[in-house]
Protein backbone atom coordinates (compact mmCIF):
# COMPACT_ATOMS: atom_id res chain seq x y z
CA MET A 1 13.19 16.39 21.58
CA THR A 2 11.32 13.28 20.43
CA SER A 3 7.54 13.16 20.31
CA ASP A 4 5.53 10.78 22.50
CA VAL A 5 2.59 10.80 20.08
CA TRP A 6 1.67 12.29 16.72
CA SER A 7 -1.13 14.85 16.86
CA ASP A 8 -2.66 17.86 15.09
CA CYS A 9 -0.95 17.76 11.69
CA ALA A 10 -0.04 15.38 8.90
CA ARG A 11 1.01 15.81 5.29
CA ILE A 12 -0.96 14.01 2.53
CA THR A 13 0.34 13.82 -1.04
CA ILE A 14 -1.65 12.14 -3.83
CA THR A 15 0.14 11.41 -7.10
CA ALA A 16 -1.40 10.04 -10.28
CA GLN A 17 0.92 7.38 -11.68
CA ALA A 18 1.80 8.77 -15.08
CA ALA A 19 4.84 9.68 -17.16
CA SER A 20 4.80 13.18 -15.67
CA LEU A 21 4.39 13.04 -11.89
CA VAL A 22 2.13 15.71 -10.40
CA ASN A 23 2.17 15.71 -6.60
CA LEU A 24 -1.04 17.15 -5.15
CA GLU A 25 -1.07 18.21 -1.49
CA PHE A 26 -4.36 17.49 0.26
CA TYR A 27 -3.60 18.09 3.93
CA ALA A 28 -5.11 21.59 3.80
CA LEU A 29 -8.42 20.11 2.53
CA SER A 30 -8.61 17.05 4.79
CA GLU A 31 -10.13 16.52 8.21
CA ASN A 32 -9.09 12.93 8.81
CA ILE A 33 -7.56 9.89 7.18
CA ASP A 34 -8.00 6.21 8.02
CA ILE A 35 -5.64 3.48 6.84
CA SER A 36 -6.95 -0.09 6.93
CA GLU A 37 -4.24 -2.66 6.34
CA GLY A 38 -5.61 -5.78 4.73
CA THR A 39 -6.29 -8.45 7.33
CA ARG A 40 -3.67 -11.23 7.45
CA ASP A 41 -6.08 -13.84 8.75
CA THR A 42 -5.66 -17.47 9.67
CA GLU A 43 -8.00 -20.45 9.61
CA SER A 44 -7.65 -23.72 11.44
CA THR A 45 -8.63 -27.21 10.30
CA PRO A 46 -9.52 -29.81 12.95
CA LEU A 47 -7.78 -33.18 12.91
CA LEU A 48 -9.08 -36.55 14.08
CA CYS A 49 -6.55 -36.54 16.92
CA GLY A 50 -8.19 -33.47 18.41
CA GLY A 51 -5.50 -31.08 17.19
CA LYS A 52 -5.71 -28.41 14.54
CA ILE A 53 -3.65 -27.28 11.56
CA THR A 54 -3.36 -23.53 11.01
CA ARG A 55 -3.66 -22.27 7.46
CA LEU A 56 -2.37 -18.81 6.59
CA LYS A 57 -4.91 -16.98 4.42
CA PRO A 58 -3.85 -14.45 1.77
CA GLN A 59 -3.75 -10.85 2.95
CA GLU A 60 -6.89 -8.94 2.05
CA ASP A 61 -6.92 -5.67 0.08
CA CYS A 62 -6.02 -2.45 1.89
CA GLU A 63 -7.99 0.80 2.03
CA ILE A 64 -7.37 4.45 2.73
CA THR A 65 -10.38 6.66 3.46
CA MET A 66 -10.27 10.44 3.73
CA LYS A 67 -12.78 13.14 4.63
CA CYS A 68 -12.06 16.23 2.54
CA TYR A 69 -13.57 19.66 1.94
CA PRO A 70 -12.83 20.61 -1.69
CA VAL A 71 -14.37 23.69 -3.25
CA LEU A 72 -13.57 22.85 -6.90
CA GLY A 73 -13.89 19.79 -9.11
CA PHE A 74 -10.46 19.94 -10.76
CA ASN A 75 -6.79 20.13 -9.81
CA PRO A 76 -3.78 22.07 -11.09
CA THR A 77 -1.75 20.43 -13.84
CA THR A 78 1.52 21.00 -11.96
CA SER A 79 2.57 19.94 -8.47
CA GLY A 80 0.99 22.02 -5.73
CA THR A 81 -2.08 22.26 -3.51
CA GLY A 82 -4.93 19.97 -4.52
CA THR A 83 -8.26 21.68 -5.12
CA GLY A 84 -10.68 18.90 -6.08
CA LEU A 85 -11.33 15.18 -6.30
CA ASP A 86 -13.80 14.75 -9.16
CA ASP A 87 -11.24 14.76 -11.97
CA LEU A 88 -9.19 12.15 -10.09
CA PHE A 89 -12.21 9.87 -9.77
CA TYR A 90 -13.44 10.09 -13.38
CA ASP A 91 -10.10 10.66 -15.15
CA THR A 92 -11.67 13.10 -17.58
CA LEU A 93 -11.20 16.85 -17.67
CA THR A 94 -12.34 19.22 -20.43
CA GLU A 95 -10.90 22.72 -20.47
CA ILE A 96 -13.53 25.41 -21.07
CA GLU A 97 -11.46 28.49 -20.32
CA THR A 98 -7.70 28.17 -19.90
CA SER A 99 -6.69 27.74 -16.24
CA HIS A 100 -10.10 28.84 -14.94
CA GLN A 101 -13.00 26.65 -16.11
CA TYR A 102 -13.09 22.88 -16.49
CA ARG A 103 -15.73 20.21 -16.92
CA VAL A 104 -15.53 16.72 -15.41
CA SER A 105 -17.83 14.04 -16.81
CA SER A 106 -18.42 10.30 -16.59
CA THR A 107 -17.98 9.76 -20.33
CA GLN A 108 -14.79 7.71 -20.03
CA GLY A 109 -14.31 4.32 -18.42
CA THR A 110 -10.57 4.68 -17.81
CA ARG A 111 -9.25 4.70 -14.26
CA LYS A 112 -6.08 6.20 -12.84
CA LYS A 113 -3.71 4.51 -10.46
CA PHE A 114 -2.44 6.58 -7.57
CA ARG A 115 0.34 6.74 -5.06
CA VAL A 116 -0.85 8.03 -1.67
CA ALA A 117 1.69 9.18 0.93
CA ILE A 118 1.00 10.28 4.50
CA LEU A 119 3.70 11.84 6.66
CA TRP A 120 3.92 12.70 10.34
CA THR A 121 7.02 14.68 11.29
CA ASP A 122 8.37 17.34 13.63
CA GLU A 123 10.15 19.07 10.74
CA ALA A 124 8.21 22.32 10.54
CA SER A 125 9.37 23.31 7.06
CA VAL A 126 8.00 20.21 5.30
CA THR A 127 5.37 21.02 2.66
CA ASN A 128 4.66 17.54 1.26
CA ALA A 129 4.72 13.86 2.22
CA VAL A 130 7.17 12.65 -0.43
CA GLY A 131 10.30 14.77 -0.02
CA ALA A 132 13.59 14.08 1.73
CA LEU A 133 13.68 14.55 5.50
CA ALA A 134 16.54 15.92 7.58
CA LYS A 135 18.31 13.28 9.67
CA THR A 136 17.78 15.33 12.83
CA THR A 137 13.98 15.11 12.61
CA GLN A 138 11.53 12.51 13.83
CA ALA A 139 9.20 11.14 11.19
CA LEU A 140 6.81 8.36 10.23
CA ARG A 141 5.77 7.94 6.60
CA TYR A 142 3.23 5.54 5.10
CA ALA A 143 2.93 5.20 1.33
CA CYS A 144 1.07 2.94 -1.06
CA ARG A 145 0.97 2.75 -4.83
CA ASN A 146 -1.19 1.15 -7.53
CA ALA A 147 -4.24 2.35 -5.63
CA TYR A 148 -7.56 3.03 -7.30
CA MET A 149 -10.02 5.67 -6.10
CA THR A 150 -13.06 3.42 -5.73
CA ASP A 151 -15.64 5.63 -4.07
CA ILE A 152 -16.70 9.22 -3.43
CA LYS A 153 -19.56 10.07 -1.07
CA ARG A 154 -20.63 13.70 -0.95
CA SER A 155 -22.46 15.04 2.09
CA PHE A 156 -24.05 18.43 2.68
CA ALA A 157 -26.57 19.83 5.14
CA ALA A 158 -27.96 23.31 5.80
CA ASP A 159 -26.02 23.56 9.06
CA GLY A 160 -22.88 21.87 7.80
CA LEU A 161 -20.16 21.83 5.17
CA LEU A 162 -19.87 20.11 1.81
CA SER A 163 -17.63 17.12 2.45
CA TYR A 164 -16.26 14.26 0.36
CA ASP A 165 -15.60 10.82 1.83
CA VAL A 166 -13.05 9.27 -0.52
CA THR A 167 -11.81 5.67 -0.65
CA PHE A 168 -8.61 4.34 -2.19
CA LYS A 169 -8.21 0.57 -2.50
CA TYR A 170 -5.06 -1.41 -3.31
CA PRO A 171 -3.57 -4.89 -2.85
CA PRO A 172 -0.50 -5.22 -0.59
CA ARG A 173 1.53 -6.64 -3.48
CA GLN A 174 1.55 -6.56 -7.26
CA LYS A 175 0.96 -9.48 -9.60
CA ASP A 176 4.65 -10.40 -9.55
CA GLY A 177 4.87 -10.16 -5.77
CA ARG A 178 6.57 -6.77 -5.63
CA LEU A 179 5.56 -4.35 -2.90
CA ASN A 180 2.77 -1.79 -3.01
CA ILE A 181 3.26 -0.53 0.56
CA ILE A 182 6.25 1.02 2.25
CA ILE A 183 6.52 2.43 5.80
CA GLU A 184 9.52 4.56 6.71
CA SER A 185 10.48 6.12 10.04
CA GLN A 186 13.40 7.76 11.79
CA ASP A 187 14.08 8.78 15.38
CA ALA A 188 16.10 12.00 14.87
CA SER A 189 19.39 10.18 15.44
CA ALA A 190 20.02 8.87 11.92
CA ALA A 191 23.41 9.29 10.25
CA ALA A 192 21.98 10.29 6.88
CA THR A 193 19.00 12.13 5.40
CA LEU A 194 15.88 10.05 4.75
CA ALA A 195 15.68 10.00 0.96
CA ALA A 196 12.76 11.41 -0.99
CA LEU A 197 10.05 8.87 -1.76
CA ASN A 198 10.62 9.06 -5.53
CA THR A 199 14.23 7.96 -4.97
CA VAL A 200 13.44 4.67 -3.25
CA TYR A 201 9.89 3.94 -4.32
CA SER A 202 9.02 4.10 -8.00
CA THR A 203 5.45 5.09 -8.84
CA ASP A 204 5.30 3.03 -12.00
CA ILE A 205 4.89 -0.72 -12.34
CA GLY A 206 8.03 -1.15 -14.39
CA GLY A 207 11.53 -2.19 -13.33
CA LEU A 208 12.94 -2.10 -9.83
CA VAL A 209 14.59 1.01 -8.49
CA ALA A 210 17.23 1.41 -5.78
CA GLY A 211 15.94 0.29 -2.41
CA GLU A 212 12.85 -1.48 -3.76
CA THR A 213 12.09 -5.18 -3.36
């Protein structure tokens, strides 16, 4: 049975773009997610004859914002459930006690690039937003890469919860014109499995991979 609308659940996977890919699952920590595609605006120039010429303006940068409820400031070093956002923002993590205590600080000016993937699907067994999907399932997947985490806003009140409003910002295309955004979907009638995101959508900024333009 096909869905008329997506509701209740989504999968969110955040991956730092590095030699060793660590996929962190954030859907269990997130309340909502907003995706703002960069505006593809136009502007018109009036002519002496009374007409106008339309000029296509470059697409603006895109943004993803999330409201999350982390309880720690660091994440595991292997793929799994995300536990914090601070070490992703500052890209610095000092181990105090192995696997248990870490310190995040603003001492470094380096910034990580991220791939962010969001998946809506009726496949109940799915545990992440980047894996392959059975051809008999309905799914919609949005993914971007080369995104920077540009902002964290923490909020806490006596009658509320500690929350993080997080912003990722990215251009729609890279310097050489290659894509930063991909949107995949299937209607449960496909002839083949929808491939895992890593197969068709490289996280690095190097050479092309199969299926990428």
